[in-house]
Amino acid sequence: MLGKLLKAPMTSTMWIFRSIHEAVEGELDRERESIRGRLNELYLMLEAGDLEEDEFDELEEQLLDRLDEIDEIMGGER
């Protein structure tokens, strides 16, 4: 019982860090999916003629750069 009491602060701290990590991963996954959806919208707009090529290129680059940042944060997972 004394061992459990002595380990409790460490166990609680690890649980908190694990929970934060999982929340951050979930948020990054949602952002990644949102960016992919936005890229699909851009492709459709370009094909429909609603978006100029240079504007498309700029927006696409920004979105792809953010996807790269997310992948780097998550350790290269995809």
C-alpha atoms as a PDB file:
ATOM      1  CA  MET A   1       0.000   0.000   0.000  1.00  0.00           C
ATOM      2  CA  LEU A   2       2.831   2.381   0.806  1.00  0.00           C
ATOM      3  CA  GLY A   3       4.323   1.626  -2.600  1.00  0.00           C
ATOM      4  CA  LYS A   4       1.077   2.642  -4.309  1.00  0.00           C
ATOM      5  CA  LEU A   5       0.970   5.891  -2.347  1.00  0.00           C
ATOM      6  CA  LEU A   6       4.543   6.714  -3.274  1.00  0.00           C
ATOM      7  CA  LYS A   7       3.908   5.948  -6.964  1.00  0.00           C
ATOM      8  CA  ALA A   8       0.599   7.844  -7.144  1.00  0.00           C
ATOM      9  CA  PRO A   9       2.072  11.272  -8.021  1.00  0.00           C
ATOM     10  CA  MET A  10       4.157   9.783 -10.839  1.00  0.00           C
ATOM     11  CA  THR A  11       1.267   7.697 -12.153  1.00  0.00           C
ATOM     12  CA  SER A  12      -1.049  10.721 -12.108  1.00  0.00           C
ATOM     13  CA  THR A  13       1.526  12.888 -13.869  1.00  0.00           C
ATOM     14  CA  MET A  14       2.072  10.282 -16.565  1.00  0.00           C
ATOM     15  CA  TRP A  15      -1.689   9.971 -17.072  1.00  0.00           C
ATOM     16  CA  ILE A  16      -1.974  13.752 -17.481  1.00  0.00           C
ATOM     17  CA  PHE A  17       0.862  13.855 -20.035  1.00  0.00           C
ATOM     18  CA  ARG A  18      -0.620  10.913 -21.939  1.00  0.00           C
ATOM     19  CA  SER A  19      -4.019  12.618 -22.028  1.00  0.00           C
ATOM     20  CA  ILE A  20      -2.509  15.872 -23.293  1.00  0.00           C
ATOM     21  CA  HIS A  21      -0.521  14.006 -25.940  1.00  0.00           C
ATOM     22  CA  GLU A  22      -3.628  12.185 -27.159  1.00  0.00           C
ATOM     23  CA  ALA A  23      -5.600  15.439 -27.290  1.00  0.00           C
ATOM     24  CA  VAL A  24      -2.891  17.149 -29.331  1.00  0.00           C
ATOM     25  CA  GLU A  25      -2.674  14.199 -31.729  1.00  0.00           C
ATOM     26  CA  GLY A  26      -6.434  14.273 -32.178  1.00  0.00           C
ATOM     27  CA  GLU A  27      -6.409  17.986 -32.912  1.00  0.00           C
ATOM     28  CA  LEU A  28      -3.596  17.618 -35.429  1.00  0.00           C
ATOM     29  CA  ASP A  29      -5.436  14.726 -37.129  1.00  0.00           C
ATOM     30  CA  ARG A  30      -8.553  16.885 -37.435  1.00  0.00           C
ATOM     31  CA  GLU A  31      -6.517  19.764 -38.841  1.00  0.00           C
ATOM     32  CA  ARG A  32      -4.843  17.409 -41.333  1.00  0.00           C
ATOM     33  CA  GLU A  33      -8.240  16.166 -42.556  1.00  0.00           C
ATOM     34  CA  SER A  34      -9.528  19.729 -42.800  1.00  0.00           C
ATOM     35  CA  ILE A  35      -6.535  20.711 -44.926  1.00  0.00           C
ATOM     36  CA  ARG A  36      -7.050  17.727 -47.210  1.00  0.00           C
ATOM     37  CA  GLY A  37     -10.669  18.728 -47.644  1.00  0.00           C
ATOM     38  CA  ARG A  38      -9.628  22.284 -48.457  1.00  0.00           C
ATOM     39  CA  LEU A  39      -7.132  20.978 -51.034  1.00  0.00           C
ATOM     40  CA  ASN A  40      -9.912  18.975 -52.689  1.00  0.00           C
ATOM     41  CA  GLU A  41     -12.061  22.120 -52.802  1.00  0.00           C
ATOM     42  CA  LEU A  42      -9.209  24.049 -54.406  1.00  0.00           C
ATOM     43  CA  TYR A  43      -8.720  21.381 -57.081  1.00  0.00           C
ATOM     44  CA  LEU A  44     -12.435  21.460 -57.886  1.00  0.00           C
ATOM     45  CA  MET A  45     -12.434  25.263 -58.034  1.00  0.00           C
ATOM     46  CA  LEU A  46      -9.449  25.208 -60.378  1.00  0.00           C
ATOM     47  CA  GLU A  47     -11.061  22.638 -62.655  1.00  0.00           C
ATOM     48  CA  ALA A  48     -14.310  24.636 -62.710  1.00  0.00           C
ATOM     49  CA  GLY A  49     -12.426  27.797 -63.639  1.00  0.00           C
ATOM     50  CA  ASP A  50     -13.370  29.548 -60.387  1.00  0.00           C
ATOM     51  CA  LEU A  51      -9.729  29.946 -59.396  1.00  0.00           C
ATOM     52  CA  GLU A  52      -6.753  31.264 -61.320  1.00  0.00           C
ATOM     53  CA  GLU A  53      -3.683  29.024 -61.602  1.00  0.00           C
ATOM     54  CA  ASP A  54      -1.382  31.416 -59.705  1.00  0.00           C
ATOM     55  CA  GLU A  55      -3.882  31.835 -56.866  1.00  0.00           C
ATOM     56  CA  PHE A  56      -4.320  28.062 -56.725  1.00  0.00           C
ATOM     57  CA  ASP A  57      -0.540  27.542 -56.592  1.00  0.00           C
ATOM     58  CA  GLU A  58      -0.172  29.976 -53.691  1.00  0.00           C
ATOM     59  CA  LEU A  59      -3.011  28.473 -51.650  1.00  0.00           C
ATOM     60  CA  GLU A  60      -1.919  24.921 -52.399  1.00  0.00           C
ATOM     61  CA  GLU A  61       1.633  25.682 -51.284  1.00  0.00           C
ATOM     62  CA  GLN A  62       0.405  27.139 -47.980  1.00  0.00           C
ATOM     63  CA  LEU A  63      -1.762  24.109 -47.280  1.00  0.00           C
ATOM     64  CA  LEU A  64       0.941  21.611 -48.240  1.00  0.00           C
ATOM     65  CA  ASP A  65       3.470  23.460 -46.073  1.00  0.00           C
ATOM     66  CA  ARG A  66       1.102  23.169 -43.107  1.00  0.00           C
ATOM     67  CA  LEU A  67       0.633  19.446 -43.779  1.00  0.00           C
ATOM     68  CA  ASP A  68       4.424  19.070 -43.749  1.00  0.00           C
ATOM     69  CA  GLU A  69       4.582  20.932 -40.416  1.00  0.00           C
ATOM     70  CA  ILE A  70       1.943  18.645 -38.925  1.00  0.00           C
ATOM     71  CA  ASP A  71       3.762  15.557 -40.177  1.00  0.00           C
ATOM     72  CA  GLU A  72       7.004  16.832 -38.664  1.00  0.00           C
ATOM     73  CA  ILE A  73       5.306  17.477 -35.310  1.00  0.00           C
ATOM     74  CA  MET A  74       3.796  14.000 -35.334  1.00  0.00           C
ATOM     75  CA  GLY A  75       7.083  12.333 -36.215  1.00  0.00           C
ATOM     76  CA  GLY A  76       6.418  11.671 -39.878  1.00  0.00           C
ATOM     77  CA  GLU A  77       3.176   9.739 -39.350  1.00  0.00           C
ATOM     78  CA  ARG A  78       0.627   9.865 -42.160  1.00  0.00           C
END
